[in-house]
Amino acid sequence: MFCRNDLSVESVAIPQRFDDIEVVCIDIKVKGSIYRIIGYYRPPGFSTVDYEYIQNSIRCFQHLCSTYHTVVIMGDFNMPLVDWDLYSGPDTPMYSAFLHFINNYGLHQYVNRPTRGDKILDIVLSSSDSLVNDIQVTPPFSINDHNILLFLTSMKMMQMRTRVLVIWMLKIKMALKTF
């Protein structure tokens, strides 16, 4: 994750039991408030192995969301059949577990336009229903096959709102692990 150098940022350790999950986490301190930012990537697929991956991902999110800080989880979740207007999806174990976690933690999903083809695969979730606003979905950058998400936050930094550009770097993290 890249952050401006004038921000107070602290890396959040991911427990070793979640080493197989593509996740990064930081805390940003802004004027007495702390915001936990989690970046995530779930490879596409709906096999038994993929179900185990989402179950372990949810356990990781539960660990990282066990905080009093405002939480933002964003990334490529590869869950194309979720109806985000209704927070519902197919009656399958994978979709049910994923949506159960979101609903139990009271997370709000902000992306309402497709991010790849006609599907919303990349999402922004937050424990605050007013932190993220003015979200825009823009064309892909370079050779990326997903659109880019741009949004404003209500985090007050130097008396101005800060534009956040989200470029998913988790695939690079995965490649570096094997290097």
Protein backbone atom coordinates (compact mmCIF):
# COMPACT_ATOMS: atom_id res chain seq x y z
CA MET A 1 0.00 0.00 0.00
CA PHE A 2 1.32 3.46 -0.85
CA CYS A 3 0.61 6.44 1.43
CA ARG A 4 1.55 10.09 1.41
CA ASN A 5 4.68 10.72 3.44
CA ASP A 6 2.99 13.42 5.55
CA LEU A 7 0.54 10.88 7.02
CA SER A 8 1.12 9.01 10.27
CA VAL A 9 0.89 5.38 9.12
CA GLU A 10 1.56 2.17 11.00
CA SER A 11 1.67 -1.28 9.45
CA VAL A 12 -0.66 -3.78 11.13
CA ALA A 13 0.79 -7.26 11.53
CA ILE A 14 -1.16 -10.06 9.92
CA PRO A 15 -1.01 -13.22 12.08
CA GLN A 16 0.97 -16.06 10.53
CA ARG A 17 -2.09 -18.31 10.36
CA PHE A 18 -3.34 -16.01 7.56
CA ASP A 19 -0.16 -16.17 5.44
CA ASP A 20 -2.09 -17.77 2.58
CA ILE A 21 -4.49 -14.79 2.38
CA GLU A 22 -3.61 -11.90 0.05
CA VAL A 23 -4.18 -9.08 2.55
CA VAL A 24 -2.33 -5.99 3.75
CA CYS A 25 -3.36 -3.69 6.59
CA ILE A 26 -2.36 -0.26 7.89
CA ASP A 27 -3.62 2.19 10.50
CA ILE A 28 -3.72 5.85 9.49
CA LYS A 29 -3.75 8.38 12.33
CA VAL A 30 -5.52 11.63 11.50
CA LYS A 31 -6.20 14.36 14.06
CA GLY A 32 -6.81 12.03 16.99
CA SER A 33 -8.71 9.41 14.96
CA ILE A 34 -7.38 6.12 13.64
CA TYR A 35 -8.61 4.53 10.42
CA ARG A 36 -7.80 0.89 9.68
CA ILE A 37 -7.32 0.31 5.95
CA ILE A 38 -7.31 -3.27 4.66
CA GLY A 39 -6.40 -4.23 1.08
CA TYR A 40 -7.49 -7.65 -0.17
CA TYR A 41 -7.41 -9.91 -3.20
CA ARG A 42 -9.37 -13.13 -3.66
CA PRO A 43 -8.53 -15.18 -6.75
CA PRO A 44 -11.57 -16.07 -8.87
CA GLY A 45 -13.21 -19.42 -8.34
CA PHE A 46 -15.94 -21.20 -6.41
CA SER A 47 -14.47 -24.64 -5.68
CA THR A 48 -14.15 -26.25 -2.25
CA VAL A 49 -10.62 -24.82 -1.99
CA ASP A 50 -11.98 -21.36 -2.85
CA TYR A 51 -14.63 -21.72 -0.15
CA GLU A 52 -11.90 -22.57 2.39
CA TYR A 53 -10.01 -19.46 1.21
CA ILE A 54 -13.00 -17.16 1.77
CA GLN A 55 -13.64 -18.77 5.18
CA ASN A 56 -10.03 -18.11 6.22
CA SER A 57 -10.29 -14.59 4.73
CA ILE A 58 -13.35 -13.92 6.88
CA ARG A 59 -11.49 -15.12 9.98
CA CYS A 60 -8.67 -12.73 9.05
CA PHE A 61 -11.14 -9.84 8.56
CA GLN A 62 -12.78 -10.63 11.90
CA HIS A 63 -9.38 -10.42 13.55
CA LEU A 64 -8.50 -7.13 11.81
CA CYS A 65 -11.97 -5.62 12.40
CA SER A 66 -11.84 -6.34 16.14
CA THR A 67 -10.98 -2.72 16.85
CA TYR A 68 -12.66 0.52 17.83
CA HIS A 69 -11.15 2.21 14.78
CA THR A 70 -13.16 2.97 11.66
CA VAL A 71 -12.42 0.16 9.20
CA VAL A 72 -12.18 0.23 5.41
CA ILE A 73 -11.75 -3.03 3.48
CA MET A 74 -11.14 -2.68 -0.24
CA GLY A 75 -10.02 -4.92 -3.01
CA ASP A 76 -10.88 -7.44 -5.67
CA PHE A 77 -13.27 -9.90 -4.02
CA ASN A 78 -14.30 -11.70 -7.23
CA MET A 79 -17.90 -12.13 -6.07
CA PRO A 80 -19.74 -11.20 -9.29
CA LEU A 81 -23.27 -12.27 -8.32
CA VAL A 82 -23.78 -10.08 -5.25
CA ASP A 83 -26.68 -7.65 -5.59
CA TRP A 84 -25.26 -4.69 -3.68
CA ASP A 85 -28.60 -2.85 -3.66
CA LEU A 86 -30.01 -5.68 -1.53
CA TYR A 87 -26.77 -7.06 -0.01
CA SER A 88 -27.80 -10.50 -1.24
CA GLY A 89 -26.48 -13.18 -3.53
CA PRO A 90 -26.90 -16.80 -4.54
CA ASP A 91 -27.80 -19.23 -1.78
CA THR A 92 -24.39 -20.92 -1.77
CA PRO A 93 -22.03 -21.46 1.16
CA MET A 94 -19.44 -19.03 -0.24
CA TYR A 95 -21.80 -16.14 -0.92
CA SER A 96 -23.73 -16.77 2.29
CA ALA A 97 -20.57 -16.72 4.45
CA PHE A 98 -19.27 -13.57 2.74
CA LEU A 99 -22.56 -11.65 3.03
CA HIS A 100 -23.13 -12.89 6.58
CA PHE A 101 -19.77 -11.37 7.59
CA ILE A 102 -20.59 -8.03 5.91
CA ASN A 103 -24.03 -7.83 7.49
CA ASN A 104 -22.87 -8.95 10.96
CA TYR A 105 -20.15 -6.32 11.03
CA GLY A 106 -22.49 -3.61 9.71
CA LEU A 107 -20.26 -2.85 6.74
CA HIS A 108 -21.43 -0.49 4.03
CA GLN A 109 -20.41 -1.18 0.40
CA TYR A 110 -19.87 1.94 -1.72
CA VAL A 111 -19.17 0.79 -5.29
CA ASN A 112 -22.31 0.85 -7.44
CA ARG A 113 -20.88 0.62 -10.97
CA PRO A 114 -19.15 -2.33 -12.68
CA THR A 115 -15.39 -2.59 -12.17
CA ARG A 116 -14.75 -5.36 -14.71
CA GLY A 117 -17.07 -6.00 -17.63
CA ASP A 118 -20.61 -5.67 -16.29
CA LYS A 119 -19.78 -6.98 -12.79
CA ILE A 120 -18.80 -5.30 -9.52
CA LEU A 121 -15.73 -7.29 -8.47
CA ASP A 122 -13.76 -4.54 -6.73
CA ILE A 123 -15.49 -3.17 -3.67
CA VAL A 124 -14.99 -0.67 -0.85
CA LEU A 125 -16.49 -1.67 2.49
CA SER A 126 -16.50 0.49 5.61
CA SER A 127 -17.79 0.38 9.15
CA SER A 128 -18.80 4.02 8.60
CA ASP A 129 -21.67 4.87 6.28
CA SER A 130 -20.29 8.38 5.71
CA LEU A 131 -16.50 7.95 5.39
CA VAL A 132 -16.37 7.32 1.64
CA ASN A 133 -18.08 9.61 -0.82
CA ASP A 134 -17.95 10.82 -4.41
CA ILE A 135 -16.82 7.40 -5.62
CA GLN A 136 -15.91 7.23 -9.29
CA VAL A 137 -15.15 4.22 -11.47
CA THR A 138 -12.68 5.18 -14.19
CA PRO A 139 -11.11 3.22 -17.09
CA PRO A 140 -8.27 0.80 -16.35
CA PHE A 141 -4.69 2.00 -16.01
CA SER A 142 -2.08 0.51 -18.35
CA ILE A 143 -2.62 -3.25 -18.83
CA ASN A 144 -4.95 -3.70 -15.84
CA ASP A 145 -8.24 -5.46 -16.70
CA HIS A 146 -10.17 -3.81 -13.86
CA ASN A 147 -11.43 -0.24 -13.68
CA ILE A 148 -9.88 2.12 -11.13
CA LEU A 149 -11.81 3.37 -8.11
CA LEU A 150 -11.40 7.01 -7.08
CA PHE A 151 -13.10 8.43 -4.03
CA LEU A 152 -13.05 11.14 -1.41
CA THR A 153 -13.01 10.42 2.29
CA SER A 154 -14.37 12.44 5.16
CA MET A 155 -11.05 12.02 7.03
CA LYS A 156 -9.99 15.55 7.93
CA MET A 157 -6.38 16.13 6.97
CA MET A 158 -5.01 19.63 7.19
CA GLN A 159 -8.59 21.01 6.93
CA MET A 160 -9.13 19.49 3.48
CA ARG A 161 -10.59 16.33 2.07
CA THR A 162 -8.11 13.97 0.51
CA ARG A 163 -8.61 12.19 -2.80
CA VAL A 164 -7.68 8.55 -2.62
CA LEU A 165 -6.52 6.68 -5.71
CA VAL A 166 -6.78 2.96 -5.29
CA ILE A 167 -4.47 0.92 -7.49
CA TRP A 168 -4.45 -2.72 -6.57
CA MET A 169 -0.91 -3.87 -5.84
CA LEU A 170 -1.69 -7.15 -4.09
CA LYS A 171 -0.87 -9.25 -7.17
CA ILE A 172 2.62 -7.73 -7.07
CA LYS A 173 2.86 -8.67 -3.38
CA MET A 174 2.04 -12.25 -4.31
CA ALA A 175 4.72 -12.27 -7.03
CA LEU A 176 7.30 -10.85 -4.59
CA LYS A 177 6.55 -13.62 -2.09
CA THR A 178 7.81 -16.19 -4.60
CA PHE A 179 10.87 -14.16 -5.63
